[in-house]
Amino acid sequence: MLTYADGADVEERGEIDVKTYRLDRAQVRRAYLLSGLAAAEWDPSRFAEAQGHGSLGRIIDNLDDADLGWMVRQDWRERLKT
């Protein structure tokens, strides 16, 4: 059972307070990238293919731009250099 801070039950008042939060653009972008990577089982190349452009470099650039570049394994970066 849910209760308010003053001890009243939700059923007694018949209402519930819900707080919402707005994410800024950068947070939305990071969430989008993370959810896409999770759906691709954390494989950036599969994520790139699922996005329709198939460019691993573009996905890595997007992760870097979203301050998520630390997640990219070094061997993926080296593969792009060759």
N, C-alpha and C. Protein backbone atom coordinates (compact mmCIF):
# COMPACT_ATOMS: atom_id res chain seq x y z
N MET A 1 0.84 -1.18 0.00
CA MET A 1 0.00 0.00 0.00
C MET A 1 0.88 1.24 0.00
N LEU A 2 0.51 2.23 -0.77
CA LEU A 2 1.23 3.49 -0.82
C LEU A 2 0.72 4.42 0.27
N THR A 3 1.63 5.13 0.88
CA THR A 3 1.24 6.13 1.87
C THR A 3 1.96 7.44 1.59
N TYR A 4 1.33 8.53 1.98
CA TYR A 4 1.94 9.85 1.86
C TYR A 4 2.89 10.06 3.03
N ALA A 5 3.69 11.10 2.93
CA ALA A 5 4.65 11.41 3.98
C ALA A 5 3.96 11.67 5.31
N ASP A 6 2.73 12.20 5.28
CA ASP A 6 2.02 12.47 6.53
C ASP A 6 1.32 11.24 7.09
N GLY A 7 1.47 10.08 6.42
CA GLY A 7 0.92 8.83 6.92
C GLY A 7 -0.44 8.46 6.35
N ALA A 8 -1.06 9.34 5.59
CA ALA A 8 -2.37 9.02 5.01
C ALA A 8 -2.20 8.01 3.87
N ASP A 9 -3.14 7.08 3.81
CA ASP A 9 -3.12 6.10 2.73
C ASP A 9 -3.62 6.75 1.44
N VAL A 10 -3.12 6.28 0.32
CA VAL A 10 -3.59 6.76 -0.97
C VAL A 10 -5.08 6.51 -1.12
N GLU A 11 -5.54 5.37 -0.64
CA GLU A 11 -6.97 5.04 -0.73
C GLU A 11 -7.83 6.05 0.03
N GLU A 12 -7.32 6.60 1.13
CA GLU A 12 -8.07 7.58 1.90
C GLU A 12 -8.26 8.87 1.12
N ARG A 13 -7.21 9.32 0.44
CA ARG A 13 -7.27 10.59 -0.28
C ARG A 13 -7.81 10.42 -1.70
N GLY A 14 -7.63 9.23 -2.25
CA GLY A 14 -8.10 9.00 -3.61
C GLY A 14 -7.26 9.68 -4.67
N GLU A 15 -6.05 10.05 -4.36
CA GLU A 15 -5.18 10.71 -5.31
C GLU A 15 -3.74 10.29 -5.05
N ILE A 16 -2.90 10.55 -5.99
CA ILE A 16 -1.48 10.25 -5.82
C ILE A 16 -0.69 11.36 -6.50
N ASP A 17 0.38 11.76 -5.87
CA ASP A 17 1.26 12.77 -6.45
C ASP A 17 2.28 12.09 -7.35
N VAL A 18 2.39 12.57 -8.56
CA VAL A 18 3.36 12.01 -9.50
C VAL A 18 4.26 13.15 -9.97
N LYS A 19 5.52 12.94 -9.85
CA LYS A 19 6.47 13.95 -10.32
C LYS A 19 7.03 13.51 -11.66
N THR A 20 7.17 14.45 -12.56
CA THR A 20 7.78 14.16 -13.85
C THR A 20 9.05 14.99 -13.98
N TYR A 21 9.95 14.49 -14.76
CA TYR A 21 11.22 15.18 -14.98
C TYR A 21 11.47 15.28 -16.47
N ARG A 22 11.98 16.37 -16.90
CA ARG A 22 12.31 16.58 -18.30
C ARG A 22 13.80 16.35 -18.49
N LEU A 23 14.13 15.51 -19.46
CA LEU A 23 15.53 15.26 -19.79
C LEU A 23 16.01 16.31 -20.79
N ASP A 24 17.25 16.72 -20.66
CA ASP A 24 17.76 17.64 -21.67
C ASP A 24 18.14 16.86 -22.93
N ARG A 25 18.44 17.58 -23.99
CA ARG A 25 18.70 16.96 -25.29
C ARG A 25 19.84 15.94 -25.21
N ALA A 26 20.91 16.26 -24.49
CA ALA A 26 22.05 15.35 -24.39
C ALA A 26 21.66 14.05 -23.67
N GLN A 27 20.84 14.15 -22.65
CA GLN A 27 20.40 12.96 -21.93
C GLN A 27 19.51 12.08 -22.81
N VAL A 28 18.66 12.71 -23.60
CA VAL A 28 17.81 11.95 -24.52
C VAL A 28 18.67 11.23 -25.55
N ARG A 29 19.67 11.91 -26.08
CA ARG A 29 20.57 11.31 -27.07
C ARG A 29 21.32 10.11 -26.47
N ARG A 30 21.84 10.27 -25.26
CA ARG A 30 22.54 9.17 -24.60
C ARG A 30 21.60 7.99 -24.37
N ALA A 31 20.39 8.27 -23.93
CA ALA A 31 19.41 7.20 -23.70
C ALA A 31 19.09 6.47 -25.00
N TYR A 32 18.94 7.21 -26.09
CA TYR A 32 18.67 6.60 -27.39
C TYR A 32 19.81 5.68 -27.80
N LEU A 33 21.03 6.18 -27.68
CA LEU A 33 22.19 5.36 -28.07
C LEU A 33 22.32 4.13 -27.18
N LEU A 34 22.14 4.29 -25.89
CA LEU A 34 22.26 3.16 -24.97
C LEU A 34 21.18 2.12 -25.20
N SER A 35 19.95 2.57 -25.46
CA SER A 35 18.88 1.60 -25.70
C SER A 35 19.10 0.88 -27.03
N GLY A 36 19.61 1.58 -28.03
CA GLY A 36 19.92 0.94 -29.30
C GLY A 36 21.04 -0.08 -29.17
N LEU A 37 22.05 0.27 -28.42
CA LEU A 37 23.15 -0.68 -28.18
C LEU A 37 22.67 -1.89 -27.41
N ALA A 38 21.83 -1.67 -26.42
CA ALA A 38 21.30 -2.79 -25.64
C ALA A 38 20.48 -3.71 -26.53
N ALA A 39 19.67 -3.14 -27.42
CA ALA A 39 18.86 -3.94 -28.33
C ALA A 39 19.73 -4.74 -29.29
N ALA A 40 20.92 -4.21 -29.60
CA ALA A 40 21.86 -4.89 -30.50
C ALA A 40 22.84 -5.76 -29.71
N GLU A 41 22.48 -6.05 -28.46
CA GLU A 41 23.31 -6.88 -27.58
C GLU A 41 24.71 -6.30 -27.40
N TRP A 42 24.79 -4.99 -27.32
CA TRP A 42 26.02 -4.23 -27.04
C TRP A 42 27.08 -4.41 -28.12
N ASP A 43 26.65 -4.71 -29.33
CA ASP A 43 27.56 -4.86 -30.47
C ASP A 43 27.39 -3.63 -31.37
N PRO A 44 28.38 -2.73 -31.38
CA PRO A 44 28.23 -1.50 -32.18
C PRO A 44 28.01 -1.75 -33.66
N SER A 45 28.61 -2.80 -34.23
CA SER A 45 28.41 -3.05 -35.66
C SER A 45 26.97 -3.51 -35.93
N ARG A 46 26.39 -4.30 -35.04
CA ARG A 46 24.98 -4.70 -35.18
C ARG A 46 24.07 -3.49 -35.03
N PHE A 47 24.42 -2.60 -34.12
CA PHE A 47 23.64 -1.38 -33.93
C PHE A 47 23.70 -0.53 -35.19
N ALA A 48 24.88 -0.42 -35.79
CA ALA A 48 25.03 0.35 -37.03
C ALA A 48 24.17 -0.24 -38.14
N GLU A 49 24.16 -1.55 -38.26
CA GLU A 49 23.33 -2.21 -39.27
C GLU A 49 21.84 -1.97 -38.99
N ALA A 50 21.46 -2.02 -37.73
CA ALA A 50 20.05 -1.81 -37.37
C ALA A 50 19.62 -0.37 -37.68
N GLN A 51 20.57 0.56 -37.64
CA GLN A 51 20.26 1.95 -37.94
C GLN A 51 20.12 2.19 -39.44
N GLY A 52 20.56 1.22 -40.24
CA GLY A 52 20.38 1.32 -41.67
C GLY A 52 21.55 1.91 -42.42
N HIS A 53 22.55 2.42 -41.72
CA HIS A 53 23.68 2.97 -42.45
C HIS A 53 24.90 2.07 -42.40
N GLY A 54 24.94 1.15 -41.48
CA GLY A 54 26.00 0.16 -41.43
C GLY A 54 27.39 0.69 -41.19
N SER A 55 27.51 1.93 -40.77
CA SER A 55 28.83 2.53 -40.57
C SER A 55 29.22 2.49 -39.09
N LEU A 56 30.17 1.63 -38.80
CA LEU A 56 30.65 1.54 -37.42
C LEU A 56 31.31 2.86 -37.00
N GLY A 57 32.01 3.48 -37.91
CA GLY A 57 32.65 4.77 -37.60
C GLY A 57 31.66 5.82 -37.18
N ARG A 58 30.51 5.83 -37.83
CA ARG A 58 29.48 6.81 -37.49
C ARG A 58 28.91 6.54 -36.10
N ILE A 59 28.72 5.28 -35.76
CA ILE A 59 28.23 4.94 -34.42
C ILE A 59 29.25 5.36 -33.37
N ILE A 60 30.52 5.08 -33.62
CA ILE A 60 31.57 5.46 -32.66
C ILE A 60 31.62 6.97 -32.52
N ASP A 61 31.50 7.71 -33.63
CA ASP A 61 31.47 9.17 -33.56
C ASP A 61 30.28 9.65 -32.74
N ASN A 62 29.12 9.02 -32.95
CA ASN A 62 27.93 9.39 -32.17
C ASN A 62 28.14 9.14 -30.68
N LEU A 63 28.77 8.02 -30.35
CA LEU A 63 29.05 7.72 -28.95
C LEU A 63 30.04 8.72 -28.37
N ASP A 64 31.06 9.07 -29.14
CA ASP A 64 32.02 10.08 -28.69
C ASP A 64 31.33 11.42 -28.44
N ASP A 65 30.47 11.82 -29.38
CA ASP A 65 29.76 13.10 -29.26
C ASP A 65 28.84 13.13 -28.05
N ALA A 66 28.33 11.97 -27.65
CA ALA A 66 27.43 11.88 -26.50
C ALA A 66 28.17 11.60 -25.20
N ASP A 67 29.49 11.75 -25.22
CA ASP A 67 30.33 11.47 -24.04
C ASP A 67 30.24 10.02 -23.59
N LEU A 68 30.01 9.11 -24.54
CA LEU A 68 29.97 7.69 -24.24
C LEU A 68 31.10 6.94 -24.95
N GLY A 69 32.06 7.68 -25.45
CA GLY A 69 33.17 7.07 -26.17
C GLY A 69 33.99 6.12 -25.32
N TRP A 70 33.95 6.30 -24.03
CA TRP A 70 34.70 5.42 -23.13
C TRP A 70 34.20 3.98 -23.22
N MET A 71 33.00 3.79 -23.76
CA MET A 71 32.43 2.45 -23.86
C MET A 71 33.00 1.66 -25.04
N VAL A 72 33.62 2.35 -25.99
CA VAL A 72 34.09 1.71 -27.22
C VAL A 72 35.44 1.04 -26.97
N ARG A 73 35.49 -0.22 -27.29
CA ARG A 73 36.74 -0.96 -27.11
C ARG A 73 37.80 -0.44 -28.07
N GLN A 74 39.02 -0.47 -27.62
CA GLN A 74 40.13 0.05 -28.43
C GLN A 74 40.28 -0.72 -29.74
N ASP A 75 40.03 -2.03 -29.74
CA ASP A 75 40.19 -2.80 -30.97
C ASP A 75 39.19 -2.37 -32.04
N TRP A 76 38.01 -1.84 -31.63
CA TRP A 76 37.06 -1.32 -32.63
C TRP A 76 37.63 -0.07 -33.28
N ARG A 77 38.24 0.77 -32.48
CA ARG A 77 38.84 1.99 -33.03
C ARG A 77 40.00 1.65 -33.96
N GLU A 78 40.82 0.68 -33.57
CA GLU A 78 41.96 0.29 -34.40
C GLU A 78 41.50 -0.34 -35.70
N ARG A 79 40.39 -1.07 -35.66
CA ARG A 79 39.85 -1.68 -36.88
C ARG A 79 39.46 -0.60 -37.88
N LEU A 80 38.97 0.52 -37.40
CA LEU A 80 38.57 1.60 -38.30
C LEU A 80 39.77 2.31 -38.95
N LYS A 81 40.91 2.31 -38.26
CA LYS A 81 42.09 2.98 -38.78
C LYS A 81 42.71 2.23 -39.95
N THR A 82 42.47 0.91 -40.01
CA THR A 82 43.09 0.12 -41.08
C THR A 82 42.27 0.11 -42.33
